[in-house]
Amino acid sequence: MNYRPREFWDRRLSEQFDLRGTGETGLSLAYNRACYALRARVLSRALADAACDPRGRRVLDVGCGTGFFTAYYLVRGAHVTGLDIAPTSIEQLSLRHPEGRFMLADVSEAALTESFDVVNAFDVLYHITDDARWERAVRNLARAVAPGGLLLVTDTFAELGGSASHNRMRPLARYRERLETEHLECGRLYPTHVLLNRELGPLRFLNRAPALLLAADRALLALGLGRDPAVSKLLLARRPG
């Protein structure tokens, strides 16, 4: 398949403008809600560890999609700008969240003209499969982080074969090199799941019990699991103030 990001994501969001559109399209809405509830829990922990209260902060939600993280930051009192490559996302979220601001843009093309206290890029950069475009996107996002601000990025941070045509995972060393070149300091990695949002093989029948998987993942993450290469992780980077 010839992957054309704008067409690919606009089609997906046009067909399913809910968490399945940006998550696991073949699984239930309840399953995807569990996945995103876990992401929110991990994000809240990372922000707390960084002593970052979103209230009053300027937040850029990159790849805002169906608006999960936009809503997360808005309800916490942030001033949110949502950015997405898909026209459907921008059109729908502008109606749903008039208190936010939304821009149709591709971060792998044009540099951003503003700076933000938090740049949130959950499940975005590994969907940029071209290396040159990925490097430009990382650079553009890094440069949008204000002094003292945070960049939050997810990936497996390991090169994995057999990914879907719209996924390209990259190792932590490549992220560190690009971010440190832009004078960001890379912090710790936070696993975002253990059982949810991954292929369970013979145990895939458990996908029909998302509440059980969510409870299990919360317990497993609390025990420090989720470090293997197949698991997505959240990287927190900071620009010194």
C-alpha atoms as a PDB file:
ATOM      1  CA  MET A   1       0.000   0.000   0.000  1.00  0.00           C
ATOM      2  CA  ASN A   2       1.243   3.485  -0.856  1.00  0.00           C
ATOM      3  CA  TYR A   3       0.879   5.357   2.418  1.00  0.00           C
ATOM      4  CA  ARG A   4      -0.314   8.943   1.946  1.00  0.00           C
ATOM      5  CA  PRO A   5      -0.700  10.321   5.493  1.00  0.00           C
ATOM      6  CA  ARG A   6      -3.239  13.090   4.876  1.00  0.00           C
ATOM      7  CA  GLU A   7      -5.571  10.870   2.846  1.00  0.00           C
ATOM      8  CA  PHE A   8      -5.059   7.877   5.156  1.00  0.00           C
ATOM      9  CA  TRP A   9      -5.943   9.686   8.372  1.00  0.00           C
ATOM     10  CA  ASP A  10      -8.719  11.793   6.915  1.00  0.00           C
ATOM     11  CA  ARG A  11     -10.380   8.649   5.590  1.00  0.00           C
ATOM     12  CA  ARG A  12     -10.062   6.865   8.934  1.00  0.00           C
ATOM     13  CA  LEU A  13     -11.468   9.810  10.876  1.00  0.00           C
ATOM     14  CA  SER A  14     -14.279  10.322   8.375  1.00  0.00           C
ATOM     15  CA  GLU A  15     -15.310   6.688   8.829  1.00  0.00           C
ATOM     16  CA  GLN A  16     -14.957   6.590  12.628  1.00  0.00           C
ATOM     17  CA  PHE A  17     -14.756   9.886  14.464  1.00  0.00           C
ATOM     18  CA  ASP A  18     -14.250   8.299  17.859  1.00  0.00           C
ATOM     19  CA  LEU A  19     -11.319   6.643  19.626  1.00  0.00           C
ATOM     20  CA  ARG A  20     -11.364   3.735  17.171  1.00  0.00           C
ATOM     21  CA  GLY A  21     -10.400   6.171  14.394  1.00  0.00           C
ATOM     22  CA  THR A  22      -7.071   6.948  16.049  1.00  0.00           C
ATOM     23  CA  GLY A  23      -6.714   3.670  17.924  1.00  0.00           C
ATOM     24  CA  GLU A  24      -7.519   0.033  17.193  1.00  0.00           C
ATOM     25  CA  THR A  25     -10.079   0.156  14.389  1.00  0.00           C
ATOM     26  CA  GLY A  26     -10.888  -3.557  14.562  1.00  0.00           C
ATOM     27  CA  LEU A  27     -11.669  -3.599  18.281  1.00  0.00           C
ATOM     28  CA  SER A  28     -14.551  -2.229  20.309  1.00  0.00           C
ATOM     29  CA  LEU A  29     -15.051   1.335  21.438  1.00  0.00           C
ATOM     30  CA  ALA A  30     -14.875   0.072  25.035  1.00  0.00           C
ATOM     31  CA  TYR A  31     -11.451  -1.443  24.310  1.00  0.00           C
ATOM     32  CA  ASN A  32     -10.168   1.817  22.843  1.00  0.00           C
ATOM     33  CA  ARG A  33     -11.538   3.783  25.796  1.00  0.00           C
ATOM     34  CA  ALA A  34      -9.552   1.520  28.107  1.00  0.00           C
ATOM     35  CA  CYS A  35      -6.384   2.108  26.041  1.00  0.00           C
ATOM     36  CA  TYR A  36      -6.797   5.864  26.203  1.00  0.00           C
ATOM     37  CA  ALA A  37      -7.704   5.841  29.898  1.00  0.00           C
ATOM     38  CA  LEU A  38      -4.367   4.149  30.516  1.00  0.00           C
ATOM     39  CA  ARG A  39      -2.552   6.700  28.334  1.00  0.00           C
ATOM     40  CA  ALA A  40      -4.141   9.504  30.362  1.00  0.00           C
ATOM     41  CA  ARG A  41      -3.018   7.877  33.604  1.00  0.00           C
ATOM     42  CA  VAL A  42       0.571   7.597  32.360  1.00  0.00           C
ATOM     43  CA  LEU A  43       0.522  11.174  31.060  1.00  0.00           C
ATOM     44  CA  SER A  44      -0.742  12.465  34.405  1.00  0.00           C
ATOM     45  CA  ARG A  45       2.077  10.668  36.202  1.00  0.00           C
ATOM     46  CA  ALA A  46       4.707  12.078  33.837  1.00  0.00           C
ATOM     47  CA  LEU A  47       3.380  15.629  34.214  1.00  0.00           C
ATOM     48  CA  ALA A  48       3.290  15.257  38.002  1.00  0.00           C
ATOM     49  CA  ASP A  49       6.874  13.974  38.050  1.00  0.00           C
ATOM     50  CA  ALA A  50       7.878  17.012  35.969  1.00  0.00           C
ATOM     51  CA  ALA A  51       6.004  19.326  38.388  1.00  0.00           C
ATOM     52  CA  CYS A  52       3.926  20.564  35.455  1.00  0.00           C
ATOM     53  CA  ASP A  53       0.362  21.625  36.236  1.00  0.00           C
ATOM     54  CA  PRO A  54      -1.395  22.196  32.872  1.00  0.00           C
ATOM     55  CA  ARG A  55      -3.589  24.962  34.294  1.00  0.00           C
ATOM     56  CA  GLY A  56      -2.883  28.214  32.492  1.00  0.00           C
ATOM     57  CA  ARG A  57      -0.211  26.618  30.290  1.00  0.00           C
ATOM     58  CA  ARG A  58       0.013  26.945  26.514  1.00  0.00           C
ATOM     59  CA  VAL A  59      -0.348  23.428  25.137  1.00  0.00           C
ATOM     60  CA  LEU A  60       0.120  22.227  21.569  1.00  0.00           C
ATOM     61  CA  ASP A  61      -1.706  18.944  20.967  1.00  0.00           C
ATOM     62  CA  VAL A  62       0.013  17.492  17.899  1.00  0.00           C
ATOM     63  CA  GLY A  63      -2.039  15.000  15.911  1.00  0.00           C
ATOM     64  CA  CYS A  64      -5.143  15.967  17.870  1.00  0.00           C
ATOM     65  CA  GLY A  65      -7.210  13.393  15.945  1.00  0.00           C
ATOM     66  CA  THR A  66     -10.561  12.887  17.659  1.00  0.00           C
ATOM     67  CA  GLY A  67      -9.622  15.169  20.539  1.00  0.00           C
ATOM     68  CA  PHE A  68      -8.845  12.899  23.479  1.00  0.00           C
ATOM     69  CA  PHE A  69      -5.753  14.803  24.614  1.00  0.00           C
ATOM     70  CA  THR A  70      -7.269  18.139  23.620  1.00  0.00           C
ATOM     71  CA  ALA A  71     -10.087  17.451  26.079  1.00  0.00           C
ATOM     72  CA  TYR A  72      -7.596  16.152  28.679  1.00  0.00           C
ATOM     73  CA  TYR A  73      -5.736  19.462  28.726  1.00  0.00           C
ATOM     74  CA  LEU A  74      -8.792  21.697  28.363  1.00  0.00           C
ATOM     75  CA  VAL A  75     -10.527  20.184  31.378  1.00  0.00           C
ATOM     76  CA  ARG A  76      -7.344  20.896  33.367  1.00  0.00           C
ATOM     77  CA  GLY A  77      -7.437  24.575  32.486  1.00  0.00           C
ATOM     78  CA  ALA A  78      -4.821  24.719  29.732  1.00  0.00           C
ATOM     79  CA  HIS A  79      -4.921  26.979  26.676  1.00  0.00           C
ATOM     80  CA  VAL A  80      -4.907  24.377  23.923  1.00  0.00           C
ATOM     81  CA  THR A  81      -3.965  24.594  20.264  1.00  0.00           C
ATOM     82  CA  GLY A  82      -4.781  21.421  18.351  1.00  0.00           C
ATOM     83  CA  LEU A  83      -2.863  20.569  15.201  1.00  0.00           C
ATOM     84  CA  ASP A  84      -3.648  17.799  12.752  1.00  0.00           C
ATOM     85  CA  ILE A  85      -2.971  16.733   9.184  1.00  0.00           C
ATOM     86  CA  ALA A  86      -6.581  15.627   8.607  1.00  0.00           C
ATOM     87  CA  PRO A  87      -9.233  18.229   7.681  1.00  0.00           C
ATOM     88  CA  THR A  88     -11.948  16.111   9.348  1.00  0.00           C
ATOM     89  CA  SER A  89     -10.170  16.399  12.698  1.00  0.00           C
ATOM     90  CA  ILE A  90      -9.877  20.175  12.539  1.00  0.00           C
ATOM     91  CA  GLU A  91     -13.444  20.669  11.339  1.00  0.00           C
ATOM     92  CA  GLN A  92     -14.995  18.431  13.994  1.00  0.00           C
ATOM     93  CA  LEU A  93     -12.884  19.586  16.930  1.00  0.00           C
ATOM     94  CA  SER A  94     -13.417  23.267  16.102  1.00  0.00           C
ATOM     95  CA  LEU A  95     -17.135  22.617  16.568  1.00  0.00           C
ATOM     96  CA  ARG A  96     -16.745  20.407  19.634  1.00  0.00           C
ATOM     97  CA  HIS A  97     -14.269  22.652  21.486  1.00  0.00           C
ATOM     98  CA  PRO A  98     -14.867  26.320  20.623  1.00  0.00           C
ATOM     99  CA  GLU A  99     -12.671  27.239  23.600  1.00  0.00           C
ATOM    100  CA  GLY A 100      -9.683  25.681  21.815  1.00  0.00           C
ATOM    101  CA  ARG A 101      -7.793  26.730  18.713  1.00  0.00           C
ATOM    102  CA  PHE A 102      -7.184  24.354  15.815  1.00  0.00           C
ATOM    103  CA  MET A 103      -4.794  24.382  12.877  1.00  0.00           C
ATOM    104  CA  LEU A 104      -4.587  22.196   9.780  1.00  0.00           C
ATOM    105  CA  ALA A 105      -0.868  21.556   9.311  1.00  0.00           C
ATOM    106  CA  ASP A 106       1.795  18.913   8.773  1.00  0.00           C
ATOM    107  CA  VAL A 107       4.623  19.215  11.313  1.00  0.00           C
ATOM    108  CA  SER A 108       6.989  17.459   8.918  1.00  0.00           C
ATOM    109  CA  GLU A 109       6.658  20.334   6.446  1.00  0.00           C
ATOM    110  CA  ALA A 110       6.442  23.779   8.009  1.00  0.00           C
ATOM    111  CA  ALA A 111       8.116  25.125  11.130  1.00  0.00           C
ATOM    112  CA  LEU A 112       5.808  26.377  13.888  1.00  0.00           C
ATOM    113  CA  THR A 113       5.823  30.100  14.524  1.00  0.00           C
ATOM    114  CA  GLU A 114       4.812  29.973  18.206  1.00  0.00           C
ATOM    115  CA  SER A 115       6.237  28.429  21.344  1.00  0.00           C
ATOM    116  CA  PHE A 116       4.365  26.370  23.919  1.00  0.00           C
ATOM    117  CA  ASP A 117       4.831  25.276  27.513  1.00  0.00           C
ATOM    118  CA  VAL A 118       3.798  21.724  26.629  1.00  0.00           C
ATOM    119  CA  VAL A 119       4.084  20.055  23.228  1.00  0.00           C
ATOM    120  CA  ASN A 120       2.066  16.841  23.361  1.00  0.00           C
ATOM    121  CA  ALA A 121       2.771  14.339  20.556  1.00  0.00           C
ATOM    122  CA  PHE A 122       1.177  11.046  21.563  1.00  0.00           C
ATOM    123  CA  ASP A 123       1.266   8.325  18.873  1.00  0.00           C
ATOM    124  CA  VAL A 124       2.294  10.736  16.129  1.00  0.00           C
ATOM    125  CA  LEU A 125       5.954  10.579  15.157  1.00  0.00           C
ATOM    126  CA  TYR A 126       6.113   6.861  14.404  1.00  0.00           C
ATOM    127  CA  HIS A 127       3.399   7.435  11.803  1.00  0.00           C
ATOM    128  CA  ILE A 128       5.871   9.560   9.827  1.00  0.00           C
ATOM    129  CA  THR A 129       7.502   6.810   7.813  1.00  0.00           C
ATOM    130  CA  ASP A 130       9.882   8.919   5.709  1.00  0.00           C
ATOM    131  CA  ASP A 131      13.137   9.589   7.576  1.00  0.00           C
ATOM    132  CA  ALA A 132      13.730  13.094   6.257  1.00  0.00           C
ATOM    133  CA  ARG A 133      10.183  14.157   7.123  1.00  0.00           C
ATOM    134  CA  TRP A 134      10.516  12.551  10.564  1.00  0.00           C
ATOM    135  CA  GLU A 135      13.699  14.513  11.264  1.00  0.00           C
ATOM    136  CA  ARG A 136      12.012  17.767  10.239  1.00  0.00           C
ATOM    137  CA  ALA A 137       9.016  16.975  12.436  1.00  0.00           C
ATOM    138  CA  VAL A 138      11.196  16.287  15.501  1.00  0.00           C
ATOM    139  CA  ARG A 139      13.126  19.492  14.864  1.00  0.00           C
ATOM    140  CA  ASN A 140       9.961  21.553  14.401  1.00  0.00           C
ATOM    141  CA  LEU A 141       8.353  20.201  17.560  1.00  0.00           C
ATOM    142  CA  ALA A 142      11.515  20.651  19.610  1.00  0.00           C
ATOM    143  CA  ARG A 143      11.843  24.261  18.493  1.00  0.00           C
ATOM    144  CA  ALA A 144       8.234  24.917  19.522  1.00  0.00           C
ATOM    145  CA  VAL A 145       9.041  24.137  23.187  1.00  0.00           C
ATOM    146  CA  ALA A 146       9.351  27.314  25.252  1.00  0.00           C
ATOM    147  CA  PRO A 147      12.129  27.756  27.850  1.00  0.00           C
ATOM    148  CA  GLY A 148      11.283  25.513  30.790  1.00  0.00           C
ATOM    149  CA  GLY A 149       8.713  23.702  28.660  1.00  0.00           C
ATOM    150  CA  LEU A 150       8.122  20.010  27.968  1.00  0.00           C
ATOM    151  CA  LEU A 151       7.940  17.808  24.898  1.00  0.00           C
ATOM    152  CA  LEU A 152       6.030  14.542  25.334  1.00  0.00           C
ATOM    153  CA  VAL A 153       6.518  11.900  22.625  1.00  0.00           C
ATOM    154  CA  THR A 154       5.554   8.231  22.329  1.00  0.00           C
ATOM    155  CA  ASP A 155       7.226   5.433  20.382  1.00  0.00           C
ATOM    156  CA  THR A 156       8.577   1.977  21.196  1.00  0.00           C
ATOM    157  CA  PHE A 157      12.048   3.569  20.917  1.00  0.00           C
ATOM    158  CA  ALA A 158      13.237   0.350  19.293  1.00  0.00           C
ATOM    159  CA  GLU A 159      13.430  -0.607  15.626  1.00  0.00           C
ATOM    160  CA  LEU A 160      10.811  -3.294  15.069  1.00  0.00           C
ATOM    161  CA  GLY A 161      10.173  -5.231  11.894  1.00  0.00           C
ATOM    162  CA  GLY A 162       6.770  -6.279  10.637  1.00  0.00           C
ATOM    163  CA  SER A 163       5.003  -3.019  11.431  1.00  0.00           C
ATOM    164  CA  ALA A 164       2.005  -1.766   9.471  1.00  0.00           C
ATOM    165  CA  SER A 165       2.733   0.418   6.448  1.00  0.00           C
ATOM    166  CA  HIS A 166       1.772   3.544   8.418  1.00  0.00           C
ATOM    167  CA  ASN A 167       4.144   2.765  11.324  1.00  0.00           C
ATOM    168  CA  ARG A 168       7.911   3.212  11.538  1.00  0.00           C
ATOM    169  CA  MET A 169       9.440   2.802  14.976  1.00  0.00           C
ATOM    170  CA  ARG A 170      12.823   4.375  15.718  1.00  0.00           C
ATOM    171  CA  PRO A 171      15.377   3.767  18.491  1.00  0.00           C
ATOM    172  CA  LEU A 172      15.838   5.995  21.493  1.00  0.00           C
ATOM    173  CA  ALA A 173      19.346   6.955  20.342  1.00  0.00           C
ATOM    174  CA  ARG A 174      17.934   8.663  17.243  1.00  0.00           C
ATOM    175  CA  TYR A 175      15.447  10.646  19.306  1.00  0.00           C
ATOM    176  CA  ARG A 176      18.129  11.672  21.788  1.00  0.00           C
ATOM    177  CA  GLU A 177      20.451  12.797  19.016  1.00  0.00           C
ATOM    178  CA  ARG A 178      17.804  14.966  17.346  1.00  0.00           C
ATOM    179  CA  LEU A 179      16.396  16.414  20.585  1.00  0.00           C
ATOM    180  CA  GLU A 180      19.757  17.141  22.185  1.00  0.00           C
ATOM    181  CA  THR A 181      20.816  18.919  18.981  1.00  0.00           C
ATOM    182  CA  GLU A 182      17.862  21.235  19.654  1.00  0.00           C
ATOM    183  CA  HIS A 183      19.027  21.686  23.279  1.00  0.00           C
ATOM    184  CA  LEU A 184      16.319  19.589  24.910  1.00  0.00           C
ATOM    185  CA  GLU A 185      17.201  17.352  27.836  1.00  0.00           C
ATOM    186  CA  CYS A 186      15.736  13.860  27.581  1.00  0.00           C
ATOM    187  CA  GLY A 187      14.311  12.383  30.746  1.00  0.00           C
ATOM    188  CA  ARG A 188      12.895   9.007  31.648  1.00  0.00           C
ATOM    189  CA  LEU A 189      10.684   6.655  29.661  1.00  0.00           C
ATOM    190  CA  TYR A 190       7.209   5.728  30.897  1.00  0.00           C
ATOM    191  CA  PRO A 191       5.681   2.518  29.477  1.00  0.00           C
ATOM    192  CA  THR A 192       2.138   3.282  28.314  1.00  0.00           C
ATOM    193  CA  HIS A 193       0.750  -0.273  28.488  1.00  0.00           C
ATOM    194  CA  VAL A 194       1.622  -3.928  28.939  1.00  0.00           C
ATOM    195  CA  LEU A 195      -1.323  -5.976  27.618  1.00  0.00           C
ATOM    196  CA  LEU A 196      -3.554  -3.352  26.048  1.00  0.00           C
ATOM    197  CA  ASN A 197      -2.817  -2.084  22.551  1.00  0.00           C
ATOM    198  CA  ARG A 198      -0.650  -5.035  21.561  1.00  0.00           C
ATOM    199  CA  GLU A 199      -0.966  -8.419  19.868  1.00  0.00           C
ATOM    200  CA  LEU A 200      -1.822 -11.022  22.515  1.00  0.00           C
ATOM    201  CA  GLY A 201      -1.629 -14.083  20.257  1.00  0.00           C
ATOM    202  CA  PRO A 202      -3.525 -17.016  21.833  1.00  0.00           C
ATOM    203  CA  LEU A 203      -4.716 -14.699  24.618  1.00  0.00           C
ATOM    204  CA  ARG A 204      -6.413 -12.254  22.219  1.00  0.00           C
ATOM    205  CA  PHE A 205      -9.821 -13.376  23.519  1.00  0.00           C
ATOM    206  CA  LEU A 206      -9.003 -11.102  26.481  1.00  0.00           C
ATOM    207  CA  ASN A 207      -9.593  -8.117  24.184  1.00  0.00           C
ATOM    208  CA  ARG A 208     -13.290  -8.729  24.815  1.00  0.00           C
ATOM    209  CA  ALA A 209     -12.699  -7.818  28.473  1.00  0.00           C
ATOM    210  CA  PRO A 210     -11.088  -4.363  28.277  1.00  0.00           C
ATOM    211  CA  ALA A 211     -11.925  -3.475  31.882  1.00  0.00           C
ATOM    212  CA  LEU A 212      -9.979  -6.525  33.030  1.00  0.00           C
ATOM    213  CA  LEU A 213      -7.012  -5.627  30.795  1.00  0.00           C
ATOM    214  CA  LEU A 214      -7.053  -2.059  32.073  1.00  0.00           C
ATOM    215  CA  ALA A 215      -6.987  -3.179  35.701  1.00  0.00           C
ATOM    216  CA  ALA A 216      -4.215  -5.659  34.926  1.00  0.00           C
ATOM    217  CA  ASP A 217      -2.139  -3.047  33.096  1.00  0.00           C
ATOM    218  CA  ARG A 218      -2.450  -0.576  35.944  1.00  0.00           C
ATOM    219  CA  ALA A 219      -1.139  -3.204  38.337  1.00  0.00           C
ATOM    220  CA  LEU A 220       1.637  -4.369  35.985  1.00  0.00           C
ATOM    221  CA  LEU A 221       2.833  -0.825  35.287  1.00  0.00           C
ATOM    222  CA  ALA A 222       2.898  -0.120  39.017  1.00  0.00           C
ATOM    223  CA  LEU A 223       5.211  -3.118  39.366  1.00  0.00           C
ATOM    224  CA  GLY A 224       7.583  -1.654  36.795  1.00  0.00           C
ATOM    225  CA  LEU A 225       6.705  -3.914  33.872  1.00  0.00           C
ATOM    226  CA  GLY A 226       6.379  -2.774  30.254  1.00  0.00           C
ATOM    227  CA  ARG A 227      10.058  -2.305  29.422  1.00  0.00           C
ATOM    228  CA  ASP A 228      10.272  -4.756  26.510  1.00  0.00           C
ATOM    229  CA  PRO A 229      10.874  -3.394  22.985  1.00  0.00           C
ATOM    230  CA  ALA A 230       7.352  -4.097  21.712  1.00  0.00           C
ATOM    231  CA  VAL A 231       5.734  -1.786  24.262  1.00  0.00           C
ATOM    232  CA  SER A 232       5.040   1.868  23.518  1.00  0.00           C
ATOM    233  CA  LYS A 233       6.632   4.336  25.901  1.00  0.00           C
ATOM    234  CA  LEU A 234       6.328   8.018  26.711  1.00  0.00           C
ATOM    235  CA  LEU A 235       9.509  10.096  26.537  1.00  0.00           C
ATOM    236  CA  LEU A 236       9.590  13.345  28.458  1.00  0.00           C
ATOM    237  CA  ALA A 237      12.079  15.980  27.277  1.00  0.00           C
ATOM    238  CA  ARG A 238      12.559  19.461  28.719  1.00  0.00           C
ATOM    239  CA  ARG A 239      14.034  22.706  27.460  1.00  0.00           C
ATOM    240  CA  PRO A 240      16.069  24.272  30.279  1.00  0.00           C
ATOM    241  CA  GLY A 241      14.559  27.451  31.615  1.00  0.00           C
END
